[in-house]
Amino acid sequence: MDPEAAVRVEPWVRPFTLGDCLRTLITLAVILPGLVLALLTLLVGGTRRLAFNRATEFWGRAGLRAAGVELRIEGGEFLDTRPAVFVINHQSGIDPILVCALLKRDFVGVAKAELRRNILLGPAFAAAGTIFLDRAKGDSAKKNLLAAVDILEEGYGVAIAPEGTRSAESRVGAFKAGAFRLAGEVKIPIVPIVIHDAGQILPRGGFIMRSGRVHVSVLPPVETSGWAAGDARLQASRFERLFESVLQDARSPDRS
């Protein structure tokens, strides 16, 4: 039986092949050697940060290769910005690999608490220092998000998908205010990362990765030093429109 038959998969996603199934298994298998690499780094006296960096660099590089994904990046020079809050639209289950491949080192991700309980991804995300948020427990989520303040003040990056869940097709879901409240509080720049095409690699509701090309638009850092304390929701709406505009422009047949 088709493992994706019981869920809705968008009609613009091509049917998967046996090769796609094999690539999916190999991509998941990449998690273990990344964890081993991090552990070995700690055992030989490396710092926890160095262990994180080696694991995330490995997962990004090896994960893309295993999945058969080619990244095309516009504005890649902005990915080295540190400290920064990297705001990313969430199209696909392959987004964590894309984030590792894009940012490579010196960052921490923010993910929903359900992922911590995943038997495969949970240990890997935890090993990489991921901050887990339980959005059903507002006070707990705010407290955990405050942990990102220390990370930013230490000079590192924080990667957040403000939609909180995967969006349908290539549209943008409603942006929550947490990422923008965080950046405004610490007065750290926001770097928007607009991901195109990832839904064709691993569609919402799907389990099998397809090989293909993913385009990424990295926009110039946006300064937050002039933001007022109550600007977070306003800025969330502003960035939501910005992402939608970039995605809409990419979908336009007139785009050269």
C-alpha atoms as a PDB file:
ATOM      1  CA  MET A   1       0.000   0.000   0.000  1.00  0.00           C
ATOM      2  CA  ASP A   2       1.158   3.517  -0.821  1.00  0.00           C
ATOM      3  CA  PRO A   3       2.427   4.883   2.543  1.00  0.00           C
ATOM      4  CA  GLU A   4       1.132   8.325   1.632  1.00  0.00           C
ATOM      5  CA  ALA A   5      -2.280   7.194   0.430  1.00  0.00           C
ATOM      6  CA  ALA A   6      -3.953   7.909   3.771  1.00  0.00           C
ATOM      7  CA  VAL A   7      -2.889  11.565   3.827  1.00  0.00           C
ATOM      8  CA  ARG A   8      -3.428  14.456   1.509  1.00  0.00           C
ATOM      9  CA  VAL A   9      -0.404  15.149  -0.695  1.00  0.00           C
ATOM     10  CA  GLU A  10      -0.564  18.231  -2.908  1.00  0.00           C
ATOM     11  CA  PRO A  11      -1.197  17.433  -6.603  1.00  0.00           C
ATOM     12  CA  TRP A  12       1.853  19.443  -7.722  1.00  0.00           C
ATOM     13  CA  VAL A  13       4.183  16.991  -5.959  1.00  0.00           C
ATOM     14  CA  ARG A  14       5.424  14.235  -8.271  1.00  0.00           C
ATOM     15  CA  PRO A  15       4.749  10.584  -7.327  1.00  0.00           C
ATOM     16  CA  PHE A  16       7.608   9.039  -5.397  1.00  0.00           C
ATOM     17  CA  THR A  17       9.810   6.248  -6.763  1.00  0.00           C
ATOM     18  CA  LEU A  18      11.709   3.347  -5.212  1.00  0.00           C
ATOM     19  CA  GLY A  19      14.824   5.510  -5.405  1.00  0.00           C
ATOM     20  CA  ASP A  20      13.054   8.178  -3.335  1.00  0.00           C
ATOM     21  CA  CYS A  21      12.203   5.572  -0.675  1.00  0.00           C
ATOM     22  CA  LEU A  22      15.827   4.468  -0.469  1.00  0.00           C
ATOM     23  CA  ARG A  23      17.052   8.054  -0.291  1.00  0.00           C
ATOM     24  CA  THR A  24      14.618   8.757   2.547  1.00  0.00           C
ATOM     25  CA  LEU A  25      15.963   5.828   4.568  1.00  0.00           C
ATOM     26  CA  ILE A  26      19.577   6.873   3.938  1.00  0.00           C
ATOM     27  CA  THR A  27      18.795  10.464   4.904  1.00  0.00           C
ATOM     28  CA  LEU A  28      17.305   9.330   8.220  1.00  0.00           C
ATOM     29  CA  ALA A  29      20.350   7.107   8.769  1.00  0.00           C
ATOM     30  CA  VAL A  30      22.569  10.203   8.564  1.00  0.00           C
ATOM     31  CA  ILE A  31      21.337  11.189  12.044  1.00  0.00           C
ATOM     32  CA  LEU A  32      23.372   8.508  13.841  1.00  0.00           C
ATOM     33  CA  PRO A  33      26.880   9.299  12.523  1.00  0.00           C
ATOM     34  CA  GLY A  34      26.237  12.976  13.270  1.00  0.00           C
ATOM     35  CA  LEU A  35      25.503  12.109  16.888  1.00  0.00           C
ATOM     36  CA  VAL A  36      28.591   9.877  17.032  1.00  0.00           C
ATOM     37  CA  LEU A  37      30.722  12.700  15.614  1.00  0.00           C
ATOM     38  CA  ALA A  38      29.453  15.053  18.322  1.00  0.00           C
ATOM     39  CA  LEU A  39      30.129  12.490  21.034  1.00  0.00           C
ATOM     40  CA  LEU A  40      33.682  11.837  19.794  1.00  0.00           C
ATOM     41  CA  THR A  41      34.332  15.577  19.773  1.00  0.00           C
ATOM     42  CA  LEU A  42      33.339  15.767  23.441  1.00  0.00           C
ATOM     43  CA  LEU A  43      35.400  12.698  24.346  1.00  0.00           C
ATOM     44  CA  VAL A  44      38.603  14.174  22.924  1.00  0.00           C
ATOM     45  CA  GLY A  45      38.131  17.362  24.901  1.00  0.00           C
ATOM     46  CA  GLY A  46      36.181  19.496  22.470  1.00  0.00           C
ATOM     47  CA  THR A  47      33.640  22.005  23.710  1.00  0.00           C
ATOM     48  CA  ARG A  48      29.915  21.430  23.547  1.00  0.00           C
ATOM     49  CA  ARG A  49      29.623  24.208  20.983  1.00  0.00           C
ATOM     50  CA  LEU A  50      32.269  22.557  18.772  1.00  0.00           C
ATOM     51  CA  ALA A  51      30.389  19.254  19.072  1.00  0.00           C
ATOM     52  CA  PHE A  52      27.141  20.986  18.025  1.00  0.00           C
ATOM     53  CA  ASN A  53      28.880  22.628  15.093  1.00  0.00           C
ATOM     54  CA  ARG A  54      30.384  19.404  13.795  1.00  0.00           C
ATOM     55  CA  ALA A  55      27.067  17.588  14.062  1.00  0.00           C
ATOM     56  CA  THR A  56      25.039  20.292  12.321  1.00  0.00           C
ATOM     57  CA  GLU A  57      27.614  20.741   9.543  1.00  0.00           C
ATOM     58  CA  PHE A  58      27.603  16.994   8.961  1.00  0.00           C
ATOM     59  CA  TRP A  59      23.805  16.734   8.958  1.00  0.00           C
ATOM     60  CA  GLY A  60      23.485  19.591   6.491  1.00  0.00           C
ATOM     61  CA  ARG A  61      26.144  18.352   4.086  1.00  0.00           C
ATOM     62  CA  ALA A  62      25.434  14.614   4.261  1.00  0.00           C
ATOM     63  CA  GLY A  63      21.658  15.055   4.560  1.00  0.00           C
ATOM     64  CA  LEU A  64      21.378  17.057   1.335  1.00  0.00           C
ATOM     65  CA  ARG A  65      23.571  14.589  -0.505  1.00  0.00           C
ATOM     66  CA  ALA A  66      21.605  11.587   0.756  1.00  0.00           C
ATOM     67  CA  ALA A  67      18.256  13.202  -0.104  1.00  0.00           C
ATOM     68  CA  GLY A  68      19.434  14.235  -3.568  1.00  0.00           C
ATOM     69  CA  VAL A  69      18.670  17.898  -2.895  1.00  0.00           C
ATOM     70  CA  GLU A  70      20.475  20.735  -4.660  1.00  0.00           C
ATOM     71  CA  LEU A  71      20.435  24.120  -2.901  1.00  0.00           C
ATOM     72  CA  ARG A  72      20.357  27.339  -4.915  1.00  0.00           C
ATOM     73  CA  ILE A  73      20.979  30.294  -2.592  1.00  0.00           C
ATOM     74  CA  GLU A  74      20.469  33.982  -3.269  1.00  0.00           C
ATOM     75  CA  GLY A  75      21.948  36.320  -0.650  1.00  0.00           C
ATOM     76  CA  GLY A  76      24.177  33.674   0.922  1.00  0.00           C
ATOM     77  CA  GLU A  77      26.536  36.325   2.285  1.00  0.00           C
ATOM     78  CA  PHE A  78      23.937  37.189   4.971  1.00  0.00           C
ATOM     79  CA  LEU A  79      24.021  33.670   6.431  1.00  0.00           C
ATOM     80  CA  ASP A  80      27.240  34.458   8.311  1.00  0.00           C
ATOM     81  CA  THR A  81      25.530  37.167  10.404  1.00  0.00           C
ATOM     82  CA  ARG A  82      26.068  36.488  14.115  1.00  0.00           C
ATOM     83  CA  PRO A  83      24.417  37.146  16.455  1.00  0.00           C
ATOM     84  CA  ALA A  84      21.085  37.095  14.647  1.00  0.00           C
ATOM     85  CA  VAL A  85      17.575  35.712  14.752  1.00  0.00           C
ATOM     86  CA  PHE A  86      17.075  33.730  11.544  1.00  0.00           C
ATOM     87  CA  VAL A  87      13.386  33.681  10.632  1.00  0.00           C
ATOM     88  CA  ILE A  88      12.440  30.840   8.288  1.00  0.00           C
ATOM     89  CA  ASN A  89       9.179  29.806   6.627  1.00  0.00           C
ATOM     90  CA  HIS A  90       8.276  26.181   7.319  1.00  0.00           C
ATOM     91  CA  GLN A  91       7.251  24.298   4.164  1.00  0.00           C
ATOM     92  CA  SER A  92       8.532  20.799   4.679  1.00  0.00           C
ATOM     93  CA  GLY A  93       9.825  18.109   7.000  1.00  0.00           C
ATOM     94  CA  ILE A  94      13.211  18.487   5.320  1.00  0.00           C
ATOM     95  CA  ASP A  95      13.546  22.070   6.609  1.00  0.00           C
ATOM     96  CA  PRO A  96      15.773  21.075   9.584  1.00  0.00           C
ATOM     97  CA  ILE A  97      18.330  19.619   7.149  1.00  0.00           C
ATOM     98  CA  LEU A  98      18.096  22.759   5.033  1.00  0.00           C
ATOM     99  CA  VAL A  99      18.701  24.941   8.105  1.00  0.00           C
ATOM    100  CA  CYS A 100      21.782  22.899   9.023  1.00  0.00           C
ATOM    101  CA  ALA A 101      23.081  23.189   5.465  1.00  0.00           C
ATOM    102  CA  LEU A 102      22.451  26.936   5.343  1.00  0.00           C
ATOM    103  CA  LEU A 103      23.689  28.055   8.769  1.00  0.00           C
ATOM    104  CA  LYS A 104      26.266  25.291   9.345  1.00  0.00           C
ATOM    105  CA  ARG A 105      27.566  26.423  12.737  1.00  0.00           C
ATOM    106  CA  ASP A 106      27.143  28.682  15.760  1.00  0.00           C
ATOM    107  CA  PHE A 107      23.361  28.587  15.942  1.00  0.00           C
ATOM    108  CA  VAL A 108      20.587  26.926  17.911  1.00  0.00           C
ATOM    109  CA  GLY A 109      17.195  25.992  16.537  1.00  0.00           C
ATOM    110  CA  VAL A 110      13.774  26.416  18.118  1.00  0.00           C
ATOM    111  CA  ALA A 111      11.281  23.570  17.571  1.00  0.00           C
ATOM    112  CA  LYS A 112       7.905  22.420  18.884  1.00  0.00           C
ATOM    113  CA  ALA A 113       7.935  20.152  21.935  1.00  0.00           C
ATOM    114  CA  GLU A 114       6.377  17.228  20.034  1.00  0.00           C
ATOM    115  CA  LEU A 115       9.611  16.808  18.116  1.00  0.00           C
ATOM    116  CA  ARG A 116      11.488  16.105  21.339  1.00  0.00           C
ATOM    117  CA  ARG A 117       9.471  12.894  21.692  1.00  0.00           C
ATOM    118  CA  ASN A 118      10.290  11.662  18.175  1.00  0.00           C
ATOM    119  CA  ILE A 119      12.364   8.479  18.500  1.00  0.00           C
ATOM    120  CA  LEU A 120      14.704   9.463  15.639  1.00  0.00           C
ATOM    121  CA  LEU A 121      14.757  13.246  15.472  1.00  0.00           C
ATOM    122  CA  GLY A 122      14.302  13.968  19.185  1.00  0.00           C
ATOM    123  CA  PRO A 123      17.789  12.839  20.305  1.00  0.00           C
ATOM    124  CA  ALA A 124      19.428  14.540  17.335  1.00  0.00           C
ATOM    125  CA  PHE A 125      17.697  17.860  17.944  1.00  0.00           C
ATOM    126  CA  ALA A 126      18.402  17.679  21.666  1.00  0.00           C
ATOM    127  CA  ALA A 127      22.080  16.911  20.975  1.00  0.00           C
ATOM    128  CA  ALA A 128      22.278  20.029  18.818  1.00  0.00           C
ATOM    129  CA  GLY A 129      21.014  22.184  21.697  1.00  0.00           C
ATOM    130  CA  THR A 130      17.549  22.789  20.266  1.00  0.00           C
ATOM    131  CA  ILE A 131      15.143  24.845  22.369  1.00  0.00           C
ATOM    132  CA  PHE A 132      11.806  23.005  22.549  1.00  0.00           C
ATOM    133  CA  LEU A 133       8.592  24.993  22.922  1.00  0.00           C
ATOM    134  CA  ASP A 134       5.265  23.634  24.129  1.00  0.00           C
ATOM    135  CA  ARG A 135       2.857  26.154  22.657  1.00  0.00           C
ATOM    136  CA  ALA A 136      -0.022  24.620  24.631  1.00  0.00           C
ATOM    137  CA  LYS A 137       1.731  25.807  27.790  1.00  0.00           C
ATOM    138  CA  GLY A 138       2.160  29.508  27.152  1.00  0.00           C
ATOM    139  CA  ASP A 139       4.159  30.338  30.288  1.00  0.00           C
ATOM    140  CA  SER A 140       6.514  27.394  29.756  1.00  0.00           C
ATOM    141  CA  ALA A 141       7.029  28.315  26.105  1.00  0.00           C
ATOM    142  CA  LYS A 142       7.875  31.908  27.011  1.00  0.00           C
ATOM    143  CA  LYS A 143      10.323  30.721  29.649  1.00  0.00           C
ATOM    144  CA  ASN A 144      12.075  28.374  27.223  1.00  0.00           C
ATOM    145  CA  LEU A 145      12.198  31.044  24.557  1.00  0.00           C
ATOM    146  CA  LEU A 146      13.966  33.311  27.027  1.00  0.00           C
ATOM    147  CA  ALA A 147      16.789  30.748  27.020  1.00  0.00           C
ATOM    148  CA  ALA A 148      17.493  31.985  23.511  1.00  0.00           C
ATOM    149  CA  VAL A 149      18.361  35.403  24.964  1.00  0.00           C
ATOM    150  CA  ASP A 150      21.497  33.956  26.554  1.00  0.00           C
ATOM    151  CA  ILE A 151      22.459  32.311  23.264  1.00  0.00           C
ATOM    152  CA  LEU A 152      22.126  35.576  21.366  1.00  0.00           C
ATOM    153  CA  GLU A 153      24.029  37.516  24.009  1.00  0.00           C
ATOM    154  CA  GLU A 154      26.860  34.987  23.669  1.00  0.00           C
ATOM    155  CA  GLY A 155      27.130  35.924  19.990  1.00  0.00           C
ATOM    156  CA  TYR A 156      25.366  32.989  18.352  1.00  0.00           C
ATOM    157  CA  GLY A 157      22.349  32.700  16.068  1.00  0.00           C
ATOM    158  CA  VAL A 158      18.840  31.411  16.769  1.00  0.00           C
ATOM    159  CA  ALA A 159      16.739  29.878  13.979  1.00  0.00           C
ATOM    160  CA  ILE A 160      12.954  30.050  14.337  1.00  0.00           C
ATOM    161  CA  ALA A 161      10.009  29.199  12.069  1.00  0.00           C
ATOM    162  CA  PRO A 162       7.383  31.683  13.304  1.00  0.00           C
ATOM    163  CA  GLU A 163       4.510  29.816  11.629  1.00  0.00           C
ATOM    164  CA  GLY A 164       4.958  27.068  14.224  1.00  0.00           C
ATOM    165  CA  THR A 165       3.798  24.359  11.802  1.00  0.00           C
ATOM    166  CA  ARG A 166       4.232  23.511   8.147  1.00  0.00           C
ATOM    167  CA  SER A 167       2.359  25.743   5.730  1.00  0.00           C
ATOM    168  CA  ALA A 168       0.242  24.458   2.861  1.00  0.00           C
ATOM    169  CA  GLU A 169       1.825  24.458  -0.600  1.00  0.00           C
ATOM    170  CA  SER A 170       3.997  27.550  -1.094  1.00  0.00           C
ATOM    171  CA  ARG A 171       1.924  29.964   0.967  1.00  0.00           C
ATOM    172  CA  VAL A 172       2.875  31.445   4.325  1.00  0.00           C
ATOM    173  CA  GLY A 173       0.978  30.663   7.502  1.00  0.00           C
ATOM    174  CA  ALA A 174       0.266  33.207  10.229  1.00  0.00           C
ATOM    175  CA  PHE A 175       3.481  34.375  11.933  1.00  0.00           C
ATOM    176  CA  LYS A 176       3.519  34.220  15.723  1.00  0.00           C
ATOM    177  CA  ALA A 177       5.195  37.059  17.602  1.00  0.00           C
ATOM    178  CA  GLY A 178       7.777  35.143  19.679  1.00  0.00           C
ATOM    179  CA  ALA A 179      10.732  35.467  17.291  1.00  0.00           C
ATOM    180  CA  PHE A 180      10.163  39.183  16.881  1.00  0.00           C
ATOM    181  CA  ARG A 181       9.701  39.779  20.602  1.00  0.00           C
ATOM    182  CA  LEU A 182      12.995  37.969  21.178  1.00  0.00           C
ATOM    183  CA  ALA A 183      14.914  39.966  18.569  1.00  0.00           C
ATOM    184  CA  GLY A 184      13.431  43.260  19.735  1.00  0.00           C
ATOM    185  CA  GLU A 185      14.239  42.554  23.379  1.00  0.00           C
ATOM    186  CA  VAL A 186      17.918  41.819  22.714  1.00  0.00           C
ATOM    187  CA  LYS A 187      18.170  44.388  19.863  1.00  0.00           C
ATOM    188  CA  ILE A 188      19.601  41.726  17.555  1.00  0.00           C
ATOM    189  CA  PRO A 189      19.087  41.843  13.764  1.00  0.00           C
ATOM    190  CA  ILE A 190      16.627  39.524  12.063  1.00  0.00           C
ATOM    191  CA  VAL A 191      17.749  37.694   8.920  1.00  0.00           C
ATOM    192  CA  PRO A 192      14.755  36.511   6.834  1.00  0.00           C
ATOM    193  CA  ILE A 193      15.326  33.183   5.068  1.00  0.00           C
ATOM    194  CA  VAL A 194      12.636  32.461   2.474  1.00  0.00           C
ATOM    195  CA  ILE A 195      12.566  28.806   1.406  1.00  0.00           C
ATOM    196  CA  HIS A 196      11.028  27.945  -1.966  1.00  0.00           C
ATOM    197  CA  ASP A 197      10.194  24.491  -3.344  1.00  0.00           C
ATOM    198  CA  ALA A 198      10.844  22.478  -0.162  1.00  0.00           C
ATOM    199  CA  GLY A 199       7.260  21.208  -0.205  1.00  0.00           C
ATOM    200  CA  GLN A 200       8.077  19.359  -3.421  1.00  0.00           C
ATOM    201  CA  ILE A 201      10.872  17.492  -1.645  1.00  0.00           C
ATOM    202  CA  LEU A 202       8.864  16.341   1.371  1.00  0.00           C
ATOM    203  CA  PRO A 203       5.256  17.554   1.177  1.00  0.00           C
ATOM    204  CA  ARG A 204       3.084  18.371   4.133  1.00  0.00           C
ATOM    205  CA  GLY A 205       1.516  15.120   5.332  1.00  0.00           C
ATOM    206  CA  GLY A 206       4.036  13.007   3.404  1.00  0.00           C
ATOM    207  CA  PHE A 207       6.721  10.565   4.486  1.00  0.00           C
ATOM    208  CA  ILE A 208       8.864  10.059   1.376  1.00  0.00           C
ATOM    209  CA  MET A 209      11.477  12.592   0.251  1.00  0.00           C
ATOM    210  CA  ARG A 210      11.772  13.393  -3.438  1.00  0.00           C
ATOM    211  CA  SER A 211      15.075  14.501  -4.935  1.00  0.00           C
ATOM    212  CA  GLY A 212      15.099  17.958  -6.482  1.00  0.00           C
ATOM    213  CA  ARG A 213      16.213  21.556  -6.276  1.00  0.00           C
ATOM    214  CA  VAL A 214      15.379  24.009  -3.489  1.00  0.00           C
ATOM    215  CA  HIS A 215      15.778  27.749  -3.944  1.00  0.00           C
ATOM    216  CA  VAL A 216      16.449  29.949  -0.932  1.00  0.00           C
ATOM    217  CA  SER A 217      16.232  33.752  -0.756  1.00  0.00           C
ATOM    218  CA  VAL A 218      18.249  35.191   2.134  1.00  0.00           C
ATOM    219  CA  LEU A 219      17.304  38.833   2.678  1.00  0.00           C
ATOM    220  CA  PRO A 220      19.534  41.514   4.237  1.00  0.00           C
ATOM    221  CA  PRO A 221      19.501  41.716   8.055  1.00  0.00           C
ATOM    222  CA  VAL A 222      16.756  43.905   9.512  1.00  0.00           C
ATOM    223  CA  GLU A 223      17.857  46.018  12.483  1.00  0.00           C
ATOM    224  CA  THR A 224      15.615  45.950  15.544  1.00  0.00           C
ATOM    225  CA  SER A 225      17.338  48.595  17.664  1.00  0.00           C
ATOM    226  CA  GLY A 226      14.534  51.097  17.035  1.00  0.00           C
ATOM    227  CA  TRP A 227      11.663  48.754  17.871  1.00  0.00           C
ATOM    228  CA  ALA A 228       9.367  49.614  20.760  1.00  0.00           C
ATOM    229  CA  ALA A 229       8.493  47.046  23.431  1.00  0.00           C
ATOM    230  CA  GLY A 230       5.019  46.413  22.019  1.00  0.00           C
ATOM    231  CA  ASP A 231       6.016  46.103  18.368  1.00  0.00           C
ATOM    232  CA  ALA A 232       6.315  42.294  18.206  1.00  0.00           C
ATOM    233  CA  ARG A 233       2.871  41.519  16.782  1.00  0.00           C
ATOM    234  CA  LEU A 234       3.071  44.392  14.325  1.00  0.00           C
ATOM    235  CA  GLN A 235       6.480  43.214  13.138  1.00  0.00           C
ATOM    236  CA  ALA A 236       5.247  39.622  12.863  1.00  0.00           C
ATOM    237  CA  SER A 237       2.545  40.777  10.444  1.00  0.00           C
ATOM    238  CA  ARG A 238       5.077  42.875   8.547  1.00  0.00           C
ATOM    239  CA  PHE A 239       7.455  39.941   8.083  1.00  0.00           C
ATOM    240  CA  GLU A 240       4.590  37.627   7.148  1.00  0.00           C
ATOM    241  CA  ARG A 241       3.707  39.991   4.292  1.00  0.00           C
ATOM    242  CA  LEU A 242       7.380  40.224   3.305  1.00  0.00           C
ATOM    243  CA  PHE A 243       7.713  36.431   3.023  1.00  0.00           C
ATOM    244  CA  GLU A 244       4.465  36.159   1.088  1.00  0.00           C
ATOM    245  CA  SER A 245       5.651  38.884  -1.288  1.00  0.00           C
ATOM    246  CA  VAL A 246       8.967  37.113  -1.973  1.00  0.00           C
ATOM    247  CA  LEU A 247       7.208  33.793  -2.567  1.00  0.00           C
ATOM    248  CA  GLN A 248       4.592  35.447  -4.766  1.00  0.00           C
ATOM    249  CA  ASP A 249       7.307  37.123  -6.827  1.00  0.00           C
ATOM    250  CA  ALA A 250       8.993  33.746  -7.338  1.00  0.00           C
ATOM    251  CA  ARG A 251       5.692  32.252  -8.542  1.00  0.00           C
ATOM    252  CA  SER A 252       5.129  35.080 -11.026  1.00  0.00           C
ATOM    253  CA  PRO A 253       5.447  33.971 -14.701  1.00  0.00           C
ATOM    254  CA  ASP A 254       6.960  37.373 -15.479  1.00  0.00           C
ATOM    255  CA  ARG A 255       9.939  36.784 -13.213  1.00  0.00           C
ATOM    256  CA  SER A 256      13.137  36.702 -15.253  1.00  0.00           C
END
